[in-house]
Amino acid sequence: MEVPDVEGSKEFQCELTRTPYGRRFINEELNSYLEFLFELIAARGPDIGLNASLSRYDFFHGHLFLARETGRLGILFHAKEYPSYEKESFPYNMGYCQIGSNVAYDDSMNLRNILWLAPLPSNSSKGWVAPGVLVVLDARPGGIIYRDIIPDYVKFARTIYEDDFGDVAVDVNYLNVGNAVPDYQIFIC
């Protein structure tokens, strides 16, 4: 299915997804669980200092990967995707998708990488099904994650890349395709 205009992104030539089309899982429970993860992260983030909102500028996607060596499946979510351009605090042009952003560049940028991990189904017994665990990765300057995982060229954005954890499979997008009333939908690209 085609990925529709998301919150006016096409007006600014902003392409939020890797491809112009997306899919959903045949199993609706999987789609519902992904929606649950997005909603949970947005709702519980403030408890730890991550003020992320579900929007095309902030929190809308994650990268699903397979870590076969450790027998795990994971999603690396990114919040604070397009902070607003500010001459003093964030003087970086991030392209068309940044136009119109109201996402502040503040200390919560250090917490923008959220990792969900679960055992691969092939590594789980039928009697034990794990829903996975969520971990917010603290990438503040001076910390081990900042020093050892974040490449120098994206230290300003605190971006951790999913291929550091395993083989990238797909992107998971949770996009507001509604007009007057929000209507969030999963798109696997």
N, C-alpha and C. Protein backbone atom coordinates (compact mmCIF):
# COMPACT_ATOMS: atom_id res chain seq x y z
N MET A 1 0.83 -1.17 0.00
CA MET A 1 0.00 0.00 0.00
C MET A 1 0.88 1.24 0.00
N GLU A 2 0.41 2.27 -0.65
CA GLU A 2 1.17 3.51 -0.73
C GLU A 2 1.15 4.22 0.62
N VAL A 3 2.31 4.79 0.99
CA VAL A 3 2.38 5.59 2.21
C VAL A 3 1.79 6.96 1.87
N PRO A 4 0.70 7.35 2.54
CA PRO A 4 0.06 8.63 2.21
C PRO A 4 0.83 9.82 2.79
N ASP A 5 0.34 11.00 2.48
CA ASP A 5 0.91 12.22 3.05
C ASP A 5 0.76 12.15 4.57
N VAL A 6 1.82 12.46 5.27
CA VAL A 6 1.83 12.39 6.73
C VAL A 6 2.04 13.80 7.28
N GLU A 7 1.00 14.33 7.89
CA GLU A 7 1.07 15.64 8.55
C GLU A 7 1.66 16.71 7.62
N GLY A 8 1.29 16.68 6.35
CA GLY A 8 1.74 17.69 5.40
C GLY A 8 3.17 17.54 4.92
N SER A 9 3.75 16.37 5.09
CA SER A 9 5.16 16.17 4.73
C SER A 9 5.42 16.31 3.23
N LYS A 10 4.46 15.91 2.41
CA LYS A 10 4.69 15.94 0.95
C LYS A 10 4.79 17.37 0.42
N GLU A 11 4.14 18.30 1.11
CA GLU A 11 4.22 19.71 0.72
C GLU A 11 5.67 20.20 0.72
N PHE A 12 6.48 19.63 1.60
CA PHE A 12 7.88 20.04 1.72
C PHE A 12 8.84 19.03 1.08
N GLN A 13 8.31 18.13 0.26
CA GLN A 13 9.10 17.09 -0.41
C GLN A 13 9.79 16.17 0.59
N CYS A 14 9.19 15.98 1.73
CA CYS A 14 9.75 15.14 2.79
C CYS A 14 9.30 13.70 2.60
N GLU A 15 10.24 12.80 2.50
CA GLU A 15 9.96 11.36 2.41
C GLU A 15 10.37 10.73 3.73
N LEU A 16 9.40 10.35 4.53
CA LEU A 16 9.67 9.81 5.86
C LEU A 16 10.05 8.33 5.86
N THR A 17 9.68 7.62 4.80
CA THR A 17 9.92 6.19 4.75
C THR A 17 10.97 5.85 3.70
N ARG A 18 11.57 4.70 3.86
CA ARG A 18 12.61 4.24 2.94
C ARG A 18 12.07 4.01 1.53
N THR A 19 10.81 3.59 1.47
CA THR A 19 10.15 3.33 0.19
C THR A 19 8.81 4.06 0.17
N PRO A 20 8.24 4.34 -1.01
CA PRO A 20 6.95 5.04 -1.06
C PRO A 20 5.76 4.13 -0.77
N TYR A 21 6.01 2.88 -0.49
CA TYR A 21 4.94 1.93 -0.18
C TYR A 21 5.32 1.19 1.10
N GLY A 22 4.32 0.64 1.73
CA GLY A 22 4.56 -0.11 2.96
C GLY A 22 3.64 -1.31 3.03
N ARG A 23 3.87 -2.11 4.02
CA ARG A 23 3.06 -3.31 4.25
C ARG A 23 2.68 -3.36 5.72
N ARG A 24 1.80 -4.28 6.02
CA ARG A 24 1.49 -4.60 7.41
C ARG A 24 1.64 -6.11 7.54
N PHE A 25 1.85 -6.55 8.76
CA PHE A 25 1.93 -7.99 8.98
C PHE A 25 0.55 -8.61 8.78
N ILE A 26 0.50 -9.81 8.25
CA ILE A 26 -0.76 -10.52 8.08
C ILE A 26 -1.40 -10.76 9.44
N ASN A 27 -0.57 -11.10 10.41
CA ASN A 27 -1.03 -11.33 11.77
C ASN A 27 -1.29 -9.98 12.44
N GLU A 28 -2.55 -9.66 12.66
CA GLU A 28 -2.92 -8.36 13.22
C GLU A 28 -2.39 -8.17 14.64
N GLU A 29 -2.15 -9.26 15.36
CA GLU A 29 -1.58 -9.15 16.71
C GLU A 29 -0.18 -8.53 16.67
N LEU A 30 0.59 -8.84 15.63
CA LEU A 30 1.92 -8.24 15.49
C LEU A 30 1.81 -6.74 15.26
N ASN A 31 0.90 -6.33 14.38
CA ASN A 31 0.70 -4.90 14.14
C ASN A 31 0.26 -4.20 15.42
N SER A 32 -0.65 -4.82 16.16
CA SER A 32 -1.13 -4.23 17.41
C SER A 32 -0.02 -4.12 18.44
N TYR A 33 0.86 -5.11 18.49
CA TYR A 33 1.96 -5.06 19.45
C TYR A 33 2.93 -3.92 19.10
N LEU A 34 3.19 -3.74 17.82
CA LEU A 34 4.06 -2.63 17.40
C LEU A 34 3.43 -1.28 17.76
N GLU A 35 2.13 -1.15 17.51
CA GLU A 35 1.42 0.08 17.90
C GLU A 35 1.55 0.30 19.41
N PHE A 36 1.37 -0.78 20.18
CA PHE A 36 1.50 -0.71 21.63
C PHE A 36 2.88 -0.20 22.04
N LEU A 37 3.94 -0.70 21.40
CA LEU A 37 5.29 -0.25 21.74
C LEU A 37 5.46 1.25 21.50
N PHE A 38 5.00 1.74 20.36
CA PHE A 38 5.09 3.18 20.08
C PHE A 38 4.33 3.99 21.13
N GLU A 39 3.11 3.58 21.40
CA GLU A 39 2.28 4.31 22.37
C GLU A 39 2.90 4.26 23.77
N LEU A 40 3.43 3.11 24.15
CA LEU A 40 4.05 2.95 25.46
C LEU A 40 5.27 3.86 25.63
N ILE A 41 6.12 3.87 24.63
CA ILE A 41 7.33 4.71 24.69
C ILE A 41 6.95 6.18 24.81
N ALA A 42 5.98 6.62 24.01
CA ALA A 42 5.56 8.02 24.07
C ALA A 42 4.93 8.36 25.42
N ALA A 43 4.15 7.44 25.97
CA ALA A 43 3.45 7.69 27.24
C ALA A 43 4.39 7.63 28.44
N ARG A 44 5.32 6.69 28.45
CA ARG A 44 6.18 6.48 29.62
C ARG A 44 7.50 7.23 29.55
N GLY A 45 7.86 7.74 28.39
CA GLY A 45 9.13 8.45 28.23
C GLY A 45 9.35 9.57 29.23
N PRO A 46 8.34 10.42 29.49
CA PRO A 46 8.54 11.52 30.43
C PRO A 46 8.96 11.06 31.83
N ASP A 47 8.63 9.83 32.21
CA ASP A 47 9.02 9.31 33.52
C ASP A 47 10.54 9.23 33.69
N ILE A 48 11.25 9.14 32.57
CA ILE A 48 12.71 9.06 32.64
C ILE A 48 13.40 10.25 31.98
N GLY A 49 12.63 11.25 31.58
CA GLY A 49 13.22 12.44 30.98
C GLY A 49 13.18 12.50 29.48
N LEU A 50 12.50 11.56 28.83
CA LEU A 50 12.36 11.57 27.37
C LEU A 50 10.98 12.10 27.02
N ASN A 51 10.93 13.32 26.57
CA ASN A 51 9.66 13.92 26.16
C ASN A 51 9.55 13.77 24.65
N ALA A 52 8.96 12.66 24.23
CA ALA A 52 8.81 12.36 22.81
C ALA A 52 7.33 12.36 22.47
N SER A 53 7.01 12.95 21.35
CA SER A 53 5.62 12.94 20.89
C SER A 53 5.53 12.18 19.58
N LEU A 54 4.39 11.55 19.37
CA LEU A 54 4.16 10.84 18.12
C LEU A 54 3.89 11.87 17.04
N SER A 55 4.89 12.14 16.24
CA SER A 55 4.74 13.09 15.13
C SER A 55 5.84 12.82 14.11
N ARG A 56 5.68 13.38 12.94
CA ARG A 56 6.65 13.16 11.87
C ARG A 56 7.99 13.82 12.15
N TYR A 57 8.05 14.74 13.09
CA TYR A 57 9.30 15.39 13.44
C TYR A 57 10.02 14.69 14.58
N ASP A 58 9.27 13.98 15.37
CA ASP A 58 9.81 13.45 16.62
C ASP A 58 9.89 11.92 16.59
N PHE A 59 8.85 11.26 17.00
CA PHE A 59 8.90 9.81 17.21
C PHE A 59 7.91 9.12 16.28
N PHE A 60 8.43 8.46 15.25
CA PHE A 60 7.55 7.79 14.28
C PHE A 60 8.13 6.51 13.70
N HIS A 61 9.37 6.15 14.03
CA HIS A 61 9.92 4.97 13.38
C HIS A 61 10.95 4.23 14.25
N GLY A 62 11.18 3.00 13.81
CA GLY A 62 12.21 2.16 14.40
C GLY A 62 12.76 1.24 13.32
N HIS A 63 13.86 0.61 13.62
CA HIS A 63 14.53 -0.26 12.65
C HIS A 63 14.61 -1.67 13.23
N LEU A 64 13.93 -2.61 12.60
CA LEU A 64 13.90 -3.99 13.06
C LEU A 64 15.14 -4.72 12.56
N PHE A 65 15.80 -5.43 13.46
CA PHE A 65 17.01 -6.15 13.10
C PHE A 65 17.01 -7.54 13.71
N LEU A 66 17.82 -8.41 13.13
CA LEU A 66 18.01 -9.77 13.62
C LEU A 66 19.45 -9.91 14.11
N ALA A 67 19.60 -10.36 15.34
CA ALA A 67 20.92 -10.63 15.90
C ALA A 67 21.03 -12.15 16.04
N ARG A 68 21.33 -12.80 14.95
CA ARG A 68 21.32 -14.26 14.91
C ARG A 68 22.33 -14.88 15.87
N GLU A 69 23.49 -14.23 16.02
CA GLU A 69 24.53 -14.79 16.88
C GLU A 69 24.06 -14.92 18.33
N THR A 70 23.22 -13.99 18.76
CA THR A 70 22.72 -14.01 20.14
C THR A 70 21.29 -14.53 20.22
N GLY A 71 20.70 -14.86 19.07
CA GLY A 71 19.34 -15.40 19.05
C GLY A 71 18.27 -14.39 19.41
N ARG A 72 18.48 -13.14 18.97
CA ARG A 72 17.53 -12.09 19.33
C ARG A 72 17.00 -11.34 18.12
N LEU A 73 15.82 -10.80 18.35
CA LEU A 73 15.14 -9.91 17.41
C LEU A 73 15.05 -8.57 18.13
N GLY A 74 15.26 -7.48 17.42
CA GLY A 74 15.20 -6.19 18.09
C GLY A 74 14.66 -5.10 17.20
N ILE A 75 14.29 -4.01 17.84
CA ILE A 75 13.91 -2.79 17.13
C ILE A 75 14.65 -1.65 17.82
N LEU A 76 15.37 -0.87 17.04
CA LEU A 76 15.99 0.35 17.55
C LEU A 76 15.10 1.51 17.13
N PHE A 77 14.39 2.07 18.11
CA PHE A 77 13.51 3.21 17.86
C PHE A 77 14.33 4.49 17.96
N HIS A 78 13.96 5.48 17.16
CA HIS A 78 14.57 6.80 17.24
C HIS A 78 13.50 7.85 17.49
N ALA A 79 13.66 8.59 18.57
CA ALA A 79 12.81 9.75 18.84
C ALA A 79 13.63 11.00 18.49
N LYS A 80 13.00 12.16 18.56
CA LYS A 80 13.69 13.44 18.29
C LYS A 80 14.38 13.40 16.93
N GLU A 81 13.69 12.89 15.92
CA GLU A 81 14.30 12.65 14.62
C GLU A 81 14.69 13.93 13.89
N TYR A 82 13.83 14.94 13.94
CA TYR A 82 14.12 16.18 13.23
C TYR A 82 13.97 17.38 14.16
N PRO A 83 15.00 17.66 14.98
CA PRO A 83 14.92 18.85 15.83
C PRO A 83 14.85 20.11 14.97
N SER A 84 14.23 21.13 15.51
CA SER A 84 14.13 22.38 14.76
C SER A 84 15.51 23.03 14.64
N TYR A 85 15.72 23.69 13.53
CA TYR A 85 16.97 24.41 13.31
C TYR A 85 16.99 25.62 14.23
N GLU A 86 18.00 25.72 15.05
CA GLU A 86 18.19 26.87 15.94
C GLU A 86 19.65 27.29 15.84
N LYS A 87 19.88 28.54 15.54
CA LYS A 87 21.23 29.04 15.31
C LYS A 87 22.19 28.72 16.46
N GLU A 88 21.70 28.81 17.69
CA GLU A 88 22.56 28.58 18.85
C GLU A 88 22.61 27.11 19.28
N SER A 89 21.46 26.49 19.45
CA SER A 89 21.43 25.15 20.04
C SER A 89 21.54 24.00 19.04
N PHE A 90 21.02 24.17 17.83
CA PHE A 90 21.05 23.10 16.83
C PHE A 90 21.21 23.70 15.43
N PRO A 91 22.42 24.12 15.09
CA PRO A 91 22.65 24.77 13.79
C PRO A 91 22.93 23.78 12.66
N TYR A 92 22.06 22.77 12.53
CA TYR A 92 22.26 21.74 11.51
C TYR A 92 21.04 21.66 10.61
N ASN A 93 21.29 21.67 9.30
CA ASN A 93 20.22 21.52 8.32
C ASN A 93 20.08 20.03 8.03
N MET A 94 18.91 19.48 8.38
CA MET A 94 18.66 18.05 8.19
C MET A 94 17.75 17.77 7.01
N GLY A 95 17.59 18.74 6.13
CA GLY A 95 16.83 18.51 4.91
C GLY A 95 15.36 18.87 5.01
N TYR A 96 14.63 18.44 3.98
CA TYR A 96 13.21 18.80 3.83
C TYR A 96 12.35 18.40 5.02
N CYS A 97 12.64 17.26 5.63
CA CYS A 97 11.78 16.76 6.71
C CYS A 97 11.91 17.58 7.99
N GLN A 98 12.92 18.42 8.08
CA GLN A 98 13.10 19.27 9.26
C GLN A 98 12.26 20.54 9.18
N ILE A 99 11.85 20.92 7.99
CA ILE A 99 11.11 22.17 7.79
C ILE A 99 9.81 22.14 8.60
N GLY A 100 9.63 23.14 9.44
CA GLY A 100 8.42 23.24 10.25
C GLY A 100 8.50 22.56 11.60
N SER A 101 9.64 21.96 11.92
CA SER A 101 9.77 21.23 13.19
C SER A 101 9.69 22.16 14.39
N ASN A 102 9.06 21.66 15.45
CA ASN A 102 9.04 22.38 16.72
C ASN A 102 9.70 21.53 17.81
N VAL A 103 10.47 20.53 17.41
CA VAL A 103 11.14 19.64 18.36
C VAL A 103 12.38 20.36 18.90
N ALA A 104 12.41 20.57 20.19
CA ALA A 104 13.53 21.27 20.83
C ALA A 104 14.73 20.34 20.96
N TYR A 105 15.90 20.91 20.71
CA TYR A 105 17.15 20.20 20.95
C TYR A 105 17.52 20.47 22.41
N ASP A 106 17.33 19.47 23.25
CA ASP A 106 17.60 19.63 24.68
C ASP A 106 18.22 18.35 25.22
N ASP A 107 18.31 18.24 26.53
CA ASP A 107 18.95 17.07 27.14
C ASP A 107 18.26 15.75 26.81
N SER A 108 16.99 15.79 26.43
CA SER A 108 16.31 14.53 26.10
C SER A 108 16.84 13.92 24.80
N MET A 109 17.61 14.67 24.02
CA MET A 109 18.27 14.10 22.84
C MET A 109 19.17 12.94 23.23
N ASN A 110 19.73 13.00 24.43
CA ASN A 110 20.61 11.93 24.91
C ASN A 110 19.88 10.61 25.04
N LEU A 111 18.55 10.66 25.13
CA LEU A 111 17.74 9.46 25.36
C LEU A 111 16.93 9.05 24.13
N ARG A 112 17.30 9.54 22.97
CA ARG A 112 16.49 9.35 21.77
C ARG A 112 16.53 7.95 21.18
N ASN A 113 17.46 7.12 21.61
CA ASN A 113 17.59 5.75 21.10
C ASN A 113 16.98 4.78 22.09
N ILE A 114 15.93 4.10 21.66
CA ILE A 114 15.21 3.16 22.53
C ILE A 114 15.31 1.78 21.89
N LEU A 115 15.76 0.82 22.65
CA LEU A 115 16.00 -0.52 22.13
C LEU A 115 15.00 -1.51 22.71
N TRP A 116 14.33 -2.25 21.83
CA TRP A 116 13.45 -3.35 22.23
C TRP A 116 14.12 -4.64 21.79
N LEU A 117 14.25 -5.59 22.69
CA LEU A 117 14.87 -6.88 22.38
C LEU A 117 13.99 -8.03 22.85
N ALA A 118 13.95 -9.08 22.07
CA ALA A 118 13.22 -10.30 22.43
C ALA A 118 13.95 -11.49 21.83
N PRO A 119 13.75 -12.68 22.39
CA PRO A 119 14.35 -13.86 21.78
C PRO A 119 13.68 -14.14 20.43
N LEU A 120 14.46 -14.63 19.49
CA LEU A 120 13.87 -15.08 18.23
C LEU A 120 12.90 -16.21 18.53
N PRO A 121 11.79 -16.28 17.80
CA PRO A 121 10.83 -17.37 18.04
C PRO A 121 11.49 -18.75 17.99
N SER A 122 12.48 -18.91 17.15
CA SER A 122 13.16 -20.20 17.04
C SER A 122 13.99 -20.52 18.29
N ASN A 123 14.24 -19.51 19.13
CA ASN A 123 15.02 -19.71 20.35
C ASN A 123 14.14 -19.74 21.60
N SER A 124 12.83 -19.79 21.42
CA SER A 124 11.91 -19.80 22.55
C SER A 124 11.09 -21.08 22.53
N SER A 125 10.84 -21.61 23.71
CA SER A 125 9.96 -22.78 23.78
C SER A 125 8.52 -22.30 23.68
N LYS A 126 7.64 -23.18 23.27
CA LYS A 126 6.23 -22.80 23.11
C LYS A 126 5.60 -22.46 24.45
N GLY A 127 6.14 -23.00 25.53
CA GLY A 127 5.60 -22.72 26.85
C GLY A 127 6.04 -21.38 27.42
N TRP A 128 7.02 -20.75 26.76
CA TRP A 128 7.52 -19.47 27.27
C TRP A 128 7.63 -18.49 26.11
N VAL A 129 6.73 -17.55 26.08
CA VAL A 129 6.74 -16.54 25.03
C VAL A 129 7.11 -15.21 25.68
N ALA A 130 8.21 -14.63 25.26
CA ALA A 130 8.67 -13.37 25.85
C ALA A 130 8.19 -12.19 25.02
N PRO A 131 7.58 -11.18 25.66
CA PRO A 131 7.15 -10.01 24.92
C PRO A 131 8.28 -9.05 24.61
N GLY A 132 9.44 -9.28 25.15
CA GLY A 132 10.58 -8.41 24.90
C GLY A 132 10.78 -7.43 26.04
N VAL A 133 11.88 -6.72 25.97
CA VAL A 133 12.23 -5.74 27.00
C VAL A 133 12.61 -4.43 26.30
N LEU A 134 12.23 -3.32 26.89
CA LEU A 134 12.57 -1.99 26.37
C LEU A 134 13.68 -1.38 27.21
N VAL A 135 14.67 -0.81 26.55
CA VAL A 135 15.78 -0.16 27.23
C VAL A 135 16.02 1.18 26.54
N VAL A 136 16.09 2.24 27.33
CA VAL A 136 16.45 3.55 26.78
C VAL A 136 17.95 3.68 26.91
N LEU A 137 18.62 3.94 25.80
CA LEU A 137 20.08 4.03 25.78
C LEU A 137 20.50 5.48 26.03
N ASP A 138 21.22 5.70 27.10
CA ASP A 138 21.65 7.05 27.48
C ASP A 138 22.94 7.40 26.74
N ALA A 139 22.84 8.30 25.78
CA ALA A 139 23.97 8.65 24.92
C ALA A 139 24.55 10.02 25.26
N ARG A 140 24.54 10.39 26.53
CA ARG A 140 25.07 11.71 26.89
C ARG A 140 26.58 11.75 26.71
N PRO A 141 27.09 12.93 26.32
CA PRO A 141 28.54 13.08 26.15
C PRO A 141 29.27 12.67 27.43
N GLY A 142 30.36 11.96 27.24
CA GLY A 142 31.15 11.47 28.36
C GLY A 142 30.80 10.05 28.75
N GLY A 143 29.65 9.55 28.29
CA GLY A 143 29.23 8.19 28.62
C GLY A 143 29.82 7.17 27.66
N ILE A 144 29.72 5.92 28.04
CA ILE A 144 30.29 4.83 27.25
C ILE A 144 29.59 4.68 25.89
N ILE A 145 28.29 4.87 25.84
CA ILE A 145 27.56 4.75 24.57
C ILE A 145 27.99 5.85 23.62
N TYR A 146 28.07 7.07 24.12
CA TYR A 146 28.51 8.21 23.31
C TYR A 146 29.92 7.95 22.78
N ARG A 147 30.78 7.48 23.64
CA ARG A 147 32.18 7.27 23.28
C ARG A 147 32.38 6.10 22.33
N ASP A 148 31.69 4.97 22.59
CA ASP A 148 32.02 3.74 21.88
C ASP A 148 31.07 3.34 20.75
N ILE A 149 29.86 3.86 20.73
CA ILE A 149 28.89 3.40 19.73
C ILE A 149 28.52 4.46 18.71
N ILE A 150 28.41 5.70 19.13
CA ILE A 150 27.95 6.75 18.21
C ILE A 150 29.10 7.24 17.33
N PRO A 151 28.92 7.17 16.00
CA PRO A 151 29.96 7.65 15.10
C PRO A 151 30.18 9.16 15.27
N ASP A 152 31.41 9.59 15.05
CA ASP A 152 31.76 11.00 15.23
C ASP A 152 30.87 11.93 14.41
N TYR A 153 30.54 11.54 13.19
CA TYR A 153 29.79 12.44 12.32
C TYR A 153 28.33 12.64 12.73
N VAL A 154 27.81 11.88 13.70
CA VAL A 154 26.45 12.09 14.18
C VAL A 154 26.38 12.28 15.70
N LYS A 155 27.50 12.58 16.31
CA LYS A 155 27.49 12.79 17.77
C LYS A 155 26.55 13.92 18.16
N PHE A 156 26.43 14.96 17.32
CA PHE A 156 25.53 16.08 17.62
C PHE A 156 24.08 15.63 17.72
N ALA A 157 23.72 14.58 16.97
CA ALA A 157 22.34 14.08 16.97
C ALA A 157 22.16 12.86 17.87
N ARG A 158 23.24 12.34 18.42
CA ARG A 158 23.20 11.19 19.34
C ARG A 158 22.60 9.94 18.68
N THR A 159 22.88 9.76 17.39
CA THR A 159 22.28 8.66 16.64
C THR A 159 23.07 7.37 16.77
N ILE A 160 22.38 6.33 17.20
CA ILE A 160 22.93 4.97 17.21
C ILE A 160 22.33 4.26 16.00
N TYR A 161 23.16 3.50 15.29
CA TYR A 161 22.68 2.80 14.10
C TYR A 161 22.37 1.34 14.41
N GLU A 162 21.28 0.89 13.83
CA GLU A 162 20.77 -0.45 14.08
C GLU A 162 21.71 -1.56 13.62
N ASP A 163 22.52 -1.30 12.60
CA ASP A 163 23.41 -2.36 12.13
C ASP A 163 24.54 -2.66 13.13
N ASP A 164 24.67 -1.84 14.18
CA ASP A 164 25.59 -2.17 15.26
C ASP A 164 25.08 -3.34 16.10
N PHE A 165 23.77 -3.63 16.00
CA PHE A 165 23.16 -4.67 16.81
C PHE A 165 22.87 -5.95 16.05
N GLY A 166 22.78 -5.87 14.73
CA GLY A 166 22.45 -7.06 13.95
C GLY A 166 22.18 -6.71 12.50
N ASP A 167 21.58 -7.66 11.80
CA ASP A 167 21.26 -7.48 10.38
C ASP A 167 19.91 -6.76 10.26
N VAL A 168 19.91 -5.64 9.58
CA VAL A 168 18.70 -4.84 9.43
C VAL A 168 17.73 -5.57 8.51
N ALA A 169 16.48 -5.66 8.95
CA ALA A 169 15.46 -6.34 8.17
C ALA A 169 14.52 -5.33 7.51
N VAL A 170 13.84 -4.52 8.31
CA VAL A 170 12.86 -3.56 7.79
C VAL A 170 12.78 -2.36 8.73
N ASP A 171 12.16 -1.30 8.23
CA ASP A 171 11.81 -0.17 9.08
C ASP A 171 10.36 -0.31 9.50
N VAL A 172 10.09 0.04 10.74
CA VAL A 172 8.74 0.01 11.28
C VAL A 172 8.33 1.47 11.51
N ASN A 173 7.29 1.91 10.81
CA ASN A 173 6.84 3.29 10.90
C ASN A 173 5.44 3.35 11.49
N TYR A 174 5.22 4.31 12.37
CA TYR A 174 3.91 4.52 13.00
C TYR A 174 3.52 5.95 12.65
N LEU A 175 2.71 6.08 11.62
CA LEU A 175 2.47 7.39 11.01
C LEU A 175 1.03 7.86 11.18
N ASN A 176 0.90 9.14 11.42
CA ASN A 176 -0.42 9.77 11.53
C ASN A 176 -0.90 10.12 10.12
N VAL A 177 -1.80 9.32 9.59
CA VAL A 177 -2.31 9.55 8.24
C VAL A 177 -3.67 10.24 8.26
N GLY A 178 -4.11 10.64 9.45
CA GLY A 178 -5.39 11.34 9.58
C GLY A 178 -5.27 12.80 9.23
N ASN A 179 -6.38 13.42 8.94
CA ASN A 179 -6.39 14.85 8.65
C ASN A 179 -6.83 15.62 9.89
N ALA A 180 -8.12 15.77 10.08
CA ALA A 180 -8.63 16.51 11.24
C ALA A 180 -8.48 15.71 12.53
N VAL A 181 -8.62 14.40 12.42
CA VAL A 181 -8.53 13.52 13.59
C VAL A 181 -7.31 12.61 13.41
N PRO A 182 -6.44 12.51 14.42
CA PRO A 182 -5.28 11.63 14.29
C PRO A 182 -5.68 10.19 13.98
N ASP A 183 -4.95 9.57 13.09
CA ASP A 183 -5.18 8.18 12.70
C ASP A 183 -3.81 7.55 12.46
N TYR A 184 -3.25 6.94 13.51
CA TYR A 184 -1.92 6.35 13.42
C TYR A 184 -2.02 4.94 12.86
N GLN A 185 -1.12 4.63 11.90
CA GLN A 185 -1.10 3.31 11.28
C GLN A 185 0.34 2.83 11.13
N ILE A 186 0.50 1.53 11.19
CA ILE A 186 1.81 0.89 11.01
C ILE A 186 2.08 0.72 9.52
N PHE A 187 3.30 1.04 9.12
CA PHE A 187 3.79 0.80 7.76
C PHE A 187 5.15 0.14 7.89
N ILE A 188 5.28 -1.06 7.35
CA ILE A 188 6.55 -1.78 7.35
C ILE A 188 7.19 -1.52 5.99
N CYS A 189 8.35 -0.92 5.99
CA CYS A 189 9.02 -0.56 4.73
C CYS A 189 10.43 -1.14 4.68
